[in-house]
Protein backbone atom coordinates (compact mmCIF):
# COMPACT_ATOMS: atom_id res chain seq x y z
CA MET A 1 -1.20 -35.21 4.70
CA HIS A 2 0.13 -31.79 5.96
CA GLN A 3 -1.82 -29.92 8.47
CA ASN A 4 -3.29 -26.85 7.61
CA PRO A 5 -3.34 -23.94 10.19
CA PRO A 6 -6.47 -23.53 11.92
CA GLU A 7 -8.68 -21.83 9.84
CA PHE A 8 -11.14 -20.25 12.36
CA LEU A 9 -8.41 -18.63 13.94
CA PHE A 10 -7.97 -16.01 11.20
CA GLN A 11 -11.93 -15.68 10.40
CA ARG A 12 -13.31 -12.02 10.88
CA SER A 13 -16.13 -13.71 13.15
CA THR A 14 -13.91 -15.45 15.47
CA LEU A 15 -11.90 -12.05 15.76
CA LEU A 16 -14.79 -9.57 15.97
CA GLN A 17 -16.39 -12.05 18.88
CA GLN A 18 -13.04 -11.80 20.49
CA LEU A 19 -13.53 -7.84 20.34
CA THR A 20 -16.75 -8.04 22.14
CA GLU A 21 -16.24 -10.59 24.73
CA GLN A 22 -13.05 -9.10 26.43
CA PRO A 23 -14.45 -6.28 28.65
CA VAL A 24 -11.34 -4.28 29.33
CA TRP A 25 -7.80 -5.07 27.21
CA ASP A 26 -4.59 -4.54 28.58
CA VAL A 27 -3.29 -3.06 25.26
CA LEU A 28 -4.85 -1.25 22.41
CA VAL A 29 -2.60 -0.66 19.43
CA ILE A 30 -4.16 1.71 16.55
CA GLY A 31 -2.46 1.13 13.32
CA GLY A 32 -1.54 -2.22 11.06
CA GLY A 33 1.94 -1.34 9.96
CA ALA A 34 5.28 -2.51 10.98
CA THR A 35 5.32 -0.11 14.21
CA GLY A 36 1.69 -1.27 15.08
CA LEU A 37 2.46 -4.73 14.46
CA GLY A 38 5.57 -4.60 16.54
CA VAL A 39 4.03 -3.02 19.42
CA ALA A 40 1.06 -5.59 19.49
CA LEU A 41 3.50 -8.75 19.05
CA ASP A 42 5.52 -7.27 22.02
CA ALA A 43 2.75 -6.73 24.27
CA ILE A 44 1.61 -10.40 23.38
CA SER A 45 4.80 -12.13 24.11
CA ARG A 46 4.65 -10.58 27.58
CA GLY A 47 1.33 -11.95 28.20
CA TYR A 48 -0.88 -8.94 27.94
CA LYS A 49 -4.40 -9.44 26.41
CA THR A 50 -3.83 -7.23 23.13
CA LEU A 51 -6.10 -5.93 20.55
CA LEU A 52 -4.62 -4.12 17.03
CA LEU A 53 -7.29 -2.10 15.01
CA GLU A 54 -6.25 -1.10 11.24
CA GLN A 55 -8.31 1.24 9.52
CA VAL A 56 -7.78 -0.25 5.98
CA ASP A 57 -5.24 -3.39 5.90
CA PHE A 58 -2.33 -4.44 7.59
CA ALA A 59 0.81 -2.68 5.74
CA LYS A 60 -1.45 -0.55 3.68
CA GLY A 61 0.44 2.51 3.77
CA THR A 62 4.43 2.93 4.22
CA SER A 63 4.98 -0.54 5.28
CA SER A 64 4.22 -2.04 1.70
CA ARG A 65 5.71 0.47 -0.07
CA SER A 66 9.63 0.41 1.20
CA THR A 67 12.70 -0.08 -0.68
CA LYS A 68 12.39 -3.89 0.21
CA LEU A 69 15.83 -3.39 2.61
CA ILE A 70 16.28 -4.90 6.15
CA HIS A 71 19.52 -2.57 6.67
CA GLY A 72 21.84 -0.69 8.96
CA GLY A 73 21.48 2.38 6.90
CA VAL A 74 24.99 3.24 5.11
CA ARG A 75 24.00 6.77 4.58
CA TYR A 76 23.31 7.07 8.24
CA LEU A 77 26.63 6.20 8.98
CA ALA A 78 28.01 8.99 6.64
CA GLN A 79 25.80 11.18 8.69
CA GLY A 80 27.55 10.18 11.97
CA ASP A 81 24.26 8.71 13.39
CA VAL A 82 26.44 5.56 14.62
CA GLY A 83 24.08 4.53 17.55
CA LEU A 84 21.10 4.08 14.99
CA VAL A 85 23.12 2.21 12.44
CA TRP A 86 24.32 -0.29 15.36
CA GLU A 87 20.67 -0.74 16.53
CA ALA A 88 19.30 -1.46 12.82
CA LEU A 89 22.31 -3.57 12.39
CA TYR A 90 21.41 -5.60 15.59
CA GLU A 91 17.82 -5.96 14.68
CA ARG A 92 18.74 -7.05 10.98
CA GLY A 93 20.71 -10.00 12.46
CA LEU A 94 17.64 -10.97 14.82
CA LEU A 95 14.93 -10.86 11.64
CA LEU A 96 17.35 -13.05 9.58
CA GLN A 97 17.16 -15.45 12.31
CA ASN A 98 13.25 -14.99 13.35
CA ALA A 99 11.95 -14.87 9.34
CA PRO A 100 14.45 -16.57 7.11
CA HIS A 101 11.57 -17.43 4.78
CA LEU A 102 11.10 -13.46 3.87
CA VAL A 103 14.31 -11.94 4.98
CA ARG A 104 17.60 -12.72 3.03
CA ASN A 105 21.34 -11.89 2.58
CA GLN A 106 21.76 -9.55 -0.42
CA ASN A 107 24.91 -8.47 -2.09
CA PHE A 108 25.33 -5.09 -3.01
CA ILE A 109 28.42 -3.42 -5.08
CA ILE A 110 29.12 0.37 -5.08
CA PRO A 111 30.88 0.99 -8.33
CA SER A 112 33.73 3.59 -8.23
CA TYR A 113 34.66 5.96 -10.86
CA SER A 114 37.28 7.85 -8.79
CA TRP A 115 40.80 6.88 -7.64
CA TRP A 116 39.76 7.36 -3.91
CA GLY A 117 36.06 6.19 -3.99
CA GLY A 118 37.33 2.22 -3.57
CA PRO A 119 39.41 2.85 -0.29
CA PHE A 120 37.01 5.38 0.90
CA TYR A 121 33.86 3.30 0.64
CA THR A 122 35.97 0.02 1.88
CA PHE A 123 36.98 1.72 5.28
CA GLY A 124 33.50 3.44 5.51
CA LEU A 125 31.89 -0.34 5.11
CA LYS A 126 34.44 -2.21 7.44
CA LEU A 127 33.15 0.11 10.10
CA TYR A 128 29.74 -1.10 9.01
CA ASP A 129 30.69 -4.86 9.35
CA ALA A 130 32.32 -4.08 12.67
CA LEU A 131 29.38 -2.53 14.08
CA ALA A 132 27.40 -5.55 13.18
CA GLY A 133 29.29 -7.89 15.28
CA LYS A 134 28.57 -11.48 15.49
CA LEU A 135 25.39 -10.64 13.61
CA SER A 136 27.28 -9.64 10.25
CA LEU A 137 26.26 -11.05 7.24
CA GLY A 138 29.94 -11.23 5.51
CA PRO A 139 32.49 -8.93 5.34
CA SER A 140 32.74 -6.12 2.75
CA VAL A 141 35.60 -6.67 0.04
CA HIS A 142 37.14 -4.64 -2.66
CA LEU A 143 36.63 -5.79 -6.18
CA SER A 144 38.59 -5.26 -9.54
CA LYS A 145 36.97 -3.39 -12.50
CA ALA A 146 37.03 -6.89 -14.24
CA GLU A 147 34.78 -8.40 -11.31
CA THR A 148 32.55 -5.59 -10.89
CA LEU A 149 31.68 -5.64 -14.64
CA ARG A 150 31.37 -9.29 -14.41
CA ARG A 151 28.83 -9.22 -11.58
CA LEU A 152 26.94 -6.02 -12.71
CA SER A 153 27.03 -6.78 -16.33
CA ASN A 154 24.99 -3.74 -17.38
CA ILE A 155 27.06 -1.16 -15.64
CA LYS A 156 29.09 1.65 -17.51
CA PRO A 157 32.49 0.40 -18.01
CA ALA A 158 34.06 3.97 -19.18
CA GLY A 159 35.80 5.38 -16.29
CA LEU A 160 34.95 2.48 -13.98
CA ARG A 161 37.99 1.57 -11.53
CA GLY A 162 36.60 -1.27 -9.57
CA GLY A 163 33.90 -1.67 -6.82
CA VAL A 164 33.32 -2.61 -3.15
CA LEU A 165 30.74 -5.19 -2.26
CA TYR A 166 29.01 -5.22 1.19
CA HIS A 167 26.00 -7.25 2.60
CA ASP A 168 22.69 -6.19 3.75
CA GLY A 169 19.15 -7.63 3.98
CA GLN A 170 16.30 -7.84 1.37
CA PHE A 171 12.74 -8.76 2.38
CA ASP A 172 9.28 -8.86 1.14
CA ASP A 173 7.64 -6.00 3.44
CA ALA A 174 4.18 -6.59 3.10
CA ARG A 175 4.61 -10.56 3.30
CA LEU A 176 6.51 -10.06 6.64
CA ALA A 177 3.61 -7.78 7.92
CA ILE A 178 1.12 -10.45 7.34
CA ASN A 179 2.98 -13.14 8.93
CA LEU A 180 3.63 -10.74 12.05
CA ALA A 181 -0.30 -10.46 12.25
CA GLN A 182 -0.44 -14.37 12.05
CA THR A 183 2.23 -14.58 14.66
CA ALA A 184 0.11 -12.44 16.92
CA ILE A 185 -3.17 -14.05 16.58
CA GLU A 186 -1.69 -17.47 17.09
CA ARG A 187 0.03 -16.27 20.17
CA GLY A 188 -3.56 -15.27 21.52
CA GLY A 189 -4.04 -11.34 20.37
CA THR A 190 -6.66 -10.22 18.41
CA LEU A 191 -6.06 -7.80 15.14
CA LEU A 192 -8.67 -6.63 12.91
CA ASN A 193 -8.27 -4.76 9.74
CA HIS A 194 -11.12 -2.64 7.86
CA LEU A 195 -12.01 -1.28 11.39
CA PRO A 196 -10.90 2.36 11.74
CA VAL A 197 -10.60 4.14 15.26
CA THR A 198 -13.48 6.95 14.61
CA GLY A 199 -13.19 8.47 18.34
CA LEU A 200 -11.68 8.39 21.75
CA LEU A 201 -13.19 7.44 25.28
CA LYS A 202 -11.98 9.37 28.18
CA ASP A 203 -13.39 9.71 32.01
CA ALA A 204 -14.44 12.68 33.73
CA ASP A 205 -10.96 13.84 34.50
CA GLY A 206 -9.96 13.42 30.94
CA GLN A 207 -8.01 10.16 31.05
CA LEU A 208 -8.05 7.76 28.16
CA ARG A 209 -10.21 4.71 28.80
CA GLY A 210 -10.39 3.24 25.50
CA VAL A 211 -11.50 3.96 21.66
CA LYS A 212 -14.57 3.87 19.38
CA ALA A 213 -13.90 1.64 16.16
CA THR A 214 -16.29 1.37 13.11
CA ASP A 215 -16.37 -1.88 11.04
CA ALA A 216 -15.85 -0.77 7.48
CA GLU A 217 -17.79 -3.65 6.39
CA THR A 218 -20.81 -3.66 8.50
CA GLY A 219 -21.06 -0.27 9.70
CA ILE A 220 -21.23 -1.69 13.22
CA THR A 221 -19.84 0.68 15.91
CA TYR A 222 -17.69 -0.57 18.91
CA GLU A 223 -17.10 0.88 21.94
CA VAL A 224 -13.41 -0.82 23.23
CA ARG A 225 -12.11 -0.48 26.84
CA ALA A 226 -8.17 -0.71 27.26
CA LYS A 227 -5.55 0.17 30.21
CA ALA A 228 -3.06 1.55 27.71
CA VAL A 229 -3.77 2.76 24.05
CA ILE A 230 -1.01 3.11 21.67
CA ASN A 231 -0.85 5.37 18.61
CA ALA A 232 1.26 3.49 16.00
CA THR A 233 -0.29 5.30 12.76
CA GLY A 234 2.63 6.09 11.05
CA VAL A 235 2.30 9.10 9.12
CA PHE A 236 -1.39 9.46 10.47
CA VAL A 237 -0.29 9.95 14.21
CA ASP A 238 -1.35 13.27 13.87
CA ASP A 239 -5.08 12.25 13.10
CA ILE A 240 -5.22 10.30 16.56
CA LEU A 241 -3.25 13.12 18.28
CA GLN A 242 -6.11 15.69 17.12
CA LEU A 243 -8.77 13.37 18.10
CA ASP A 244 -7.03 13.29 21.62
CA GLN A 245 -6.63 17.08 21.62
CA PRO A 246 -8.04 18.91 18.56
CA ASP A 247 -5.27 21.76 19.00
CA ALA A 248 -2.21 19.27 19.02
CA PRO A 249 0.65 20.64 16.64
CA ASN A 250 1.79 18.17 13.93
CA LEU A 251 4.40 15.76 15.12
CA VAL A 252 5.20 14.48 11.52
CA ARG A 253 5.94 15.80 8.14
CA PRO A 254 5.70 13.25 5.37
CA SER A 255 8.27 12.94 3.38
CA GLN A 256 7.80 10.74 0.12
CA GLY A 257 9.95 8.03 -1.24
CA VAL A 258 8.99 6.71 -4.99
CA HIS A 259 10.22 3.62 -6.46
CA ILE A 260 9.99 2.10 -10.14
CA VAL A 261 9.86 -1.43 -10.63
CA VAL A 262 11.57 -2.86 -14.11
CA ASP A 263 12.44 -5.89 -15.64
CA ARG A 264 15.40 -8.12 -14.32
CA SER A 265 17.12 -7.58 -17.85
CA PHE A 266 18.19 -4.02 -16.70
CA LEU A 267 20.12 -5.79 -13.76
CA PRO A 268 20.77 -9.61 -14.57
CA GLY A 269 22.50 -11.62 -12.14
CA GLU A 270 22.15 -11.48 -8.13
CA ASP A 271 23.87 -8.51 -7.18
CA ALA A 272 22.02 -5.16 -6.13
CA LEU A 273 23.83 -1.82 -7.04
CA MET A 274 24.26 1.08 -4.75
CA ILE A 275 24.57 4.68 -6.18
CA PRO A 276 26.38 6.49 -3.13
CA LYS A 277 25.84 9.92 -4.25
CA THR A 278 23.22 11.33 -6.32
CA GLU A 279 22.63 14.83 -7.32
CA ASP A 280 19.97 15.42 -4.51
CA GLY A 281 22.78 14.02 -2.00
CA ARG A 282 20.88 10.83 -1.34
CA VAL A 283 21.77 7.14 -2.14
CA LEU A 284 19.98 5.29 -5.13
CA PHE A 285 19.27 1.43 -5.07
CA ALA A 286 18.68 -1.20 -7.82
CA VAL A 287 17.76 -4.27 -6.02
CA PRO A 288 16.38 -7.62 -7.45
CA TRP A 289 13.03 -8.27 -5.87
CA HIS A 290 10.67 -11.23 -6.99
CA GLY A 291 12.33 -11.53 -10.28
CA ARG A 292 12.40 -8.11 -11.13
CA VAL A 293 14.62 -4.86 -10.30
CA VAL A 294 13.04 -2.11 -7.57
CA LEU A 295 14.88 1.06 -8.34
CA GLY A 296 14.57 3.80 -5.50
CA THR A 297 14.15 6.46 -3.80
CA THR A 298 13.38 9.76 -3.72
CA ASP A 299 12.88 12.06 -0.60
CA THR A 300 10.23 14.75 -1.42
CA PRO A 301 8.66 16.76 1.62
CA LEU A 302 4.97 16.92 1.12
CA PRO A 303 2.46 19.46 2.97
CA ALA A 304 -0.16 16.46 3.57
CA HIS A 305 -0.34 12.70 3.80
CA SER A 306 -2.90 10.36 2.05
CA GLN A 307 -3.98 6.78 1.81
CA GLU A 308 -2.48 6.60 -1.83
CA PRO A 309 0.32 8.74 -2.52
CA LEU A 310 1.26 9.74 -6.01
CA ALA A 311 4.72 9.53 -7.56
CA LEU A 312 5.50 13.16 -8.92
CA ASP A 313 6.78 13.26 -12.42
CA GLU A 314 10.18 15.06 -11.27
CA GLU A 315 10.63 12.12 -8.88
CA ILE A 316 10.42 9.70 -11.83
CA GLU A 317 12.52 11.45 -14.14
CA PHE A 318 15.10 11.74 -11.17
CA ILE A 319 15.14 7.89 -10.77
CA LEU A 320 15.19 7.02 -14.44
CA ARG A 321 18.16 9.96 -15.02
CA THR A 322 20.21 8.92 -11.91
CA ALA A 323 19.85 5.26 -13.25
CA GLY A 324 20.92 6.03 -16.55
CA GLN A 325 24.14 7.43 -15.59
CA TYR A 326 25.28 4.24 -14.44
CA LEU A 327 23.51 1.81 -16.49
CA THR A 328 24.65 1.17 -20.28
CA ARG A 329 20.80 -0.28 -21.46
CA THR A 330 19.17 2.73 -19.50
CA PRO A 331 15.29 2.16 -18.23
CA LYS A 332 12.71 4.57 -20.00
CA ARG A 333 9.59 5.52 -18.39
CA ARG A 334 7.52 3.14 -20.97
CA ASP A 335 9.93 0.50 -19.38
CA ALA A 336 8.14 0.60 -15.69
CA LEU A 337 6.15 -2.54 -14.69
CA SER A 338 4.93 -0.53 -11.86
CA ILE A 339 5.40 2.73 -9.91
CA PHE A 340 4.63 3.11 -6.52
CA ALA A 341 4.94 5.92 -3.72
CA GLY A 342 5.36 5.68 0.37
CA LEU A 343 5.35 8.21 2.77
CA ARG A 344 7.99 8.12 5.70
CA PRO A 345 6.68 9.84 8.96
CA LEU A 346 9.54 12.03 9.50
CA ALA A 347 9.64 14.39 12.88
CA ALA A 348 7.96 17.78 11.60
CA PRO A 349 10.82 20.32 11.28
CA GLN A 350 11.08 22.06 14.78
CA HIS A 351 13.84 24.61 14.13
CA GLY A 352 13.54 25.38 10.50
CA SER A 353 15.47 22.58 8.91
CA GLU A 354 13.63 21.40 5.74
CA LYS A 355 16.24 18.93 4.59
CA THR A 356 14.43 15.60 5.06
CA ARG A 357 17.35 13.27 4.71
CA GLU A 358 18.79 15.28 7.94
CA ILE A 359 15.99 14.44 10.09
CA SER A 360 16.94 11.48 11.95
CA ARG A 361 15.44 8.05 11.39
CA SER A 362 15.35 7.20 14.91
CA HIS A 363 12.13 6.71 16.55
CA LYS A 364 10.24 8.90 19.33
CA LEU A 365 7.73 8.17 22.11
CA LEU A 366 5.31 10.76 23.12
CA VAL A 367 2.74 10.55 25.95
CA SER A 368 -0.13 12.81 25.84
CA ALA A 369 -1.72 14.33 29.13
CA SER A 370 -4.71 12.02 28.51
CA GLY A 371 -2.20 8.98 28.67
CA LEU A 372 -2.30 8.40 25.05
CA ILE A 373 1.41 6.76 24.01
CA THR A 374 2.21 7.92 20.59
CA ILE A 375 5.18 6.01 18.55
CA THR A 376 6.73 7.88 15.56
CA GLY A 377 9.73 7.89 13.25
CA GLY A 378 11.63 4.73 12.84
CA LYS A 379 12.00 2.29 9.99
CA TRP A 380 10.96 -1.40 9.27
CA THR A 381 14.23 -2.74 10.14
CA THR A 382 13.69 -1.48 13.45
CA TYR A 383 9.91 -2.16 13.93
CA ARG A 384 10.73 -5.08 17.01
CA ARG A 385 12.77 -2.29 18.94
CA MET A 386 10.11 -0.21 18.56
CA GLY A 387 7.52 -2.40 19.75
CA GLN A 388 9.79 -3.25 22.82
CA ASP A 389 10.41 0.52 23.73
CA THR A 390 6.76 1.40 23.42
CA ILE A 391 5.45 -1.36 25.76
CA ASP A 392 8.57 -0.68 28.24
CA LYS A 393 6.98 2.97 28.17
CA ALA A 394 3.70 1.65 29.05
CA ILE A 395 5.27 -0.22 32.12
CA ALA A 396 7.33 2.72 33.07
CA LEU A 397 3.69 4.60 33.10
CA GLY A 398 2.24 2.26 35.55
CA LYS A 399 -0.25 1.33 32.93
CA LEU A 400 0.86 -2.48 32.63
CA PRO A 401 2.16 -4.86 35.30
CA PRO A 402 5.96 -5.49 34.52
CA ALA A 403 6.98 -8.19 32.26
CA THR A 404 9.79 -8.89 29.74
CA SER A 405 9.78 -8.83 26.19
CA GLN A 406 9.92 -12.29 24.57
CA THR A 407 10.27 -10.98 20.61
CA ALA A 408 14.10 -10.91 20.08
CA THR A 409 14.30 -14.78 19.69
CA MET A 410 10.52 -15.39 18.56
CA PRO A 411 10.20 -16.91 15.19
CA ILE A 412 7.74 -15.46 12.76
CA HIS A 413 4.77 -17.26 11.12
CA GLY A 414 6.43 -19.21 8.32
CA ALA A 415 9.63 -19.28 9.50
CA GLN A 416 12.29 -21.70 7.86
CA PRO A 417 15.42 -21.42 5.70
CA THR A 418 14.93 -21.06 2.18
CA PRO A 419 17.75 -22.33 0.12
CA ASP A 420 15.34 -22.86 -2.99
CA ARG A 421 13.79 -19.53 -4.26
CA SER A 422 13.26 -20.91 -7.76
CA SER A 423 9.37 -20.98 -7.42
CA HIS A 424 7.81 -17.69 -6.35
CA LEU A 425 6.05 -19.91 -3.58
CA TYR A 426 8.72 -20.03 -1.13
CA VAL A 427 7.43 -16.77 0.64
CA TYR A 428 4.77 -18.99 2.26
CA GLY A 429 7.39 -20.63 4.32
CA THR A 430 6.40 -23.49 6.59
CA ASP A 431 2.55 -22.91 5.02
CA LEU A 432 3.93 -23.97 1.50
CA PRO A 433 2.93 -27.89 2.22
CA ALA A 434 -0.59 -26.80 3.00
CA LEU A 435 -0.99 -24.62 0.02
CA GLN A 436 0.33 -27.27 -2.06
CA GLN A 437 -2.32 -29.64 -0.69
CA LEU A 438 -5.09 -27.09 -1.32
CA ILE A 439 -3.98 -27.46 -5.19
CA THR A 440 -3.79 -31.17 -4.79
CA ASP A 441 -7.70 -31.30 -3.37
CA GLU A 442 -8.94 -28.88 -6.22
CA PRO A 443 -6.41 -28.84 -8.90
CA ALA A 444 -8.32 -25.83 -10.66
CA LEU A 445 -6.74 -23.75 -8.03
CA GLY A 446 -3.12 -24.47 -9.48
CA GLU A 447 -3.98 -22.51 -12.52
CA LYS A 448 -2.36 -19.13 -13.08
CA LEU A 449 -4.18 -15.85 -12.42
CA ASP A 450 -2.75 -14.95 -15.71
CA ALA A 451 -1.08 -16.23 -18.37
CA ALA A 452 1.80 -13.71 -18.16
CA LEU A 453 2.94 -14.29 -14.50
CA GLU A 454 3.65 -16.95 -12.01
CA PHE A 455 0.68 -16.31 -9.49
CA VAL A 456 -1.99 -18.87 -9.11
CA LEU A 457 -5.24 -19.01 -7.96
CA ALA A 458 -4.66 -21.26 -4.82
CA GLU A 459 -3.18 -17.87 -3.48
CA VAL A 460 -6.11 -15.97 -3.54
CA VAL A 461 -8.29 -18.59 -1.46
CA TRP A 462 -5.23 -18.86 0.95
CA ALA A 463 -5.14 -15.10 1.35
CA VAL A 464 -8.78 -15.14 2.13
CA ARG A 465 -8.73 -18.20 4.60
CA TYR A 466 -5.45 -17.75 6.58
CA GLU A 467 -4.41 -14.03 5.78
CA MET A 468 -7.38 -11.95 6.66
CA ALA A 469 -7.70 -10.60 3.03
CA ARG A 470 -11.27 -8.87 2.46
CA THR A 471 -10.92 -6.94 -1.07
CA VAL A 472 -8.99 -7.50 -4.28
CA GLU A 473 -6.66 -4.63 -3.41
CA ASP A 474 -5.51 -6.81 -0.14
CA VAL A 475 -4.91 -9.56 -2.09
CA LEU A 476 -3.27 -7.97 -5.40
CA ALA A 477 -1.25 -5.18 -3.71
CA ARG A 478 -0.14 -7.22 -0.28
CA ARG A 479 -0.75 -10.79 -0.23
CA VAL A 480 0.03 -11.63 -3.68
CA ARG A 481 2.36 -8.47 -4.63
CA VAL A 482 1.44 -8.17 -8.31
CA LEU A 483 0.38 -4.40 -8.06
CA PHE A 484 4.09 -3.85 -6.88
CA LEU A 485 5.43 -6.07 -9.62
CA ASP A 486 3.12 -5.71 -12.74
CA ALA A 487 0.28 -2.98 -12.57
CA ARG A 488 -1.27 -3.54 -15.78
CA ALA A 489 -1.41 -7.61 -14.96
CA ALA A 490 -2.93 -6.69 -11.52
CA ILE A 491 -5.58 -4.92 -13.60
CA ARG A 492 -6.25 -7.87 -15.75
CA MET A 493 -6.28 -10.39 -12.86
CA ALA A 494 -8.74 -8.26 -10.53
CA PRO A 495 -12.15 -9.77 -12.21
CA THR A 496 -10.77 -13.37 -11.23
CA VAL A 497 -9.59 -12.26 -7.88
CA ALA A 498 -13.09 -10.71 -7.44
CA ALA A 499 -14.73 -13.68 -8.47
CA LEU A 500 -12.55 -15.81 -5.99
CA LEU A 501 -13.46 -13.72 -3.01
CA ALA A 502 -17.13 -13.54 -3.63
CA GLN A 503 -17.19 -17.05 -3.66
CA GLU A 504 -15.27 -17.58 -0.41
CA LEU A 505 -17.16 -14.45 1.35
CA GLY A 506 -20.47 -14.94 0.07
CA HIS A 507 -20.78 -11.51 -1.95
CA ASP A 508 -23.07 -10.90 -4.95
CA ALA A 509 -22.18 -9.85 -8.46
CA GLN A 510 -22.64 -6.33 -7.57
CA TRP A 511 -19.95 -6.36 -4.95
CA GLN A 512 -17.53 -8.35 -7.53
CA GLN A 513 -18.34 -5.59 -10.03
CA GLN A 514 -17.65 -2.67 -7.55
CA GLN A 515 -14.30 -4.16 -6.48
CA VAL A 516 -13.01 -4.37 -9.90
CA ALA A 517 -13.81 -1.26 -10.69
CA ASP A 518 -12.17 0.30 -7.30
CA PHE A 519 -9.28 -1.58 -7.95
CA ALA A 520 -8.75 -0.71 -11.50
CA ARG A 521 -9.04 2.94 -10.37
CA LEU A 522 -6.38 2.57 -7.88
CA ALA A 523 -4.11 0.61 -9.97
CA ARG A 524 -3.88 3.31 -12.55
CA ASN A 525 -1.85 5.18 -10.45
CA TYR A 526 0.83 2.71 -10.49
CA LEU A 527 1.16 2.66 -14.47
CA PRO A 528 4.01 4.68 -15.92
């Protein structure tokens, strides 16, 4: 008999009780994406009483919409940002050790169509390998034309001279976010989604003492006090900064990255494709992911942020056109299973430079006059380091007693090596036996959510009981990744998911109908 994780730990009632019982928190984190989760886990690892509040759901924004890579950033090396690449490669190595059920070593191939391309990329990637040091995932090697064609069977052979193979990390972003939240709760933290911060609490001399937050489900407002308040809200950092100081200038300029998910037949085999230079000077990836292929990404500056950014027609056409220059069978818009857009929180241009790809992706810390600590920038790969630096800053400011970060060697919930990825359930890691026990106990939960896809009813029940899912969107976008894999199938599954959620959470038929309608409206934005 397999031991389930204790269900009560992750129940909303338990977490809300903890929220009200703690008079003053050591650390209060606003934002439940990669950065906020990294900050919270780092604070918890040092023994601080830690609370995290997320306005919608963990990884709702940018953190569920990445290119699914844990990487040093080959293109940052080309820009000469060796420090960022070294830090990211180090963190990549740690993440592979701490979450091996979700992060894996992925082969990438750069095809070369010029005589100098092979030597040029081989040299650059040898430097990339060297920077990774003992945490290297394997050496880069030059491939012959024949070997490149064998491994990338859909690549255009005309003019091909060979290729270069290198290694990077590939992962499931939202699943990692959920596992980080579980790790934080299991280690004594309190994390609540669907509980937006609506105001800041200050004392007479203007110093920050806590926040006001309103439960999106009940409408109840809480006043929460804390010694250190961290603004880790990604592209939304300016909203919190302007709560603190209404005339605060914008720190962040959102830049949009779009991805298109297509059938695996467009890139058969195990290797990913990296196109080193597109017409806009970026790189383009085609990466195997959950039995499909993710094509991306773009870099489009936007004037404002939103919860659900929309892919622009020209971004979709750019990705398809660029992929079509390299693939013999070229993807068309009708081939898209899902199209998703994410926003990068880039530093707002200060000196007139508008080229977003030239803005550094390293993270930045800002301390407001009120004592609010804001962390911005960065990327998924360096989430742990961002958390460590943020808590170090709070200690340096005298807000917390000194303690050392423990996250570098901390296993993340579910961590176990995953040699066999033939079943999609491998992402549950050490939770898999308990999930399978749920199906043994209630065989009906082993049925598929949709005949065309692999996902089963038990995953929805699991998401509610152990992964803090509250809505159809929470389940289909970020627990079971169907919205990102096949938007049409996600719309078909919504009524079944709503019924299971209503049963688990005690909601009525009207709630179910509203959930299905809300999800269908959102999911239409992911259709081609």
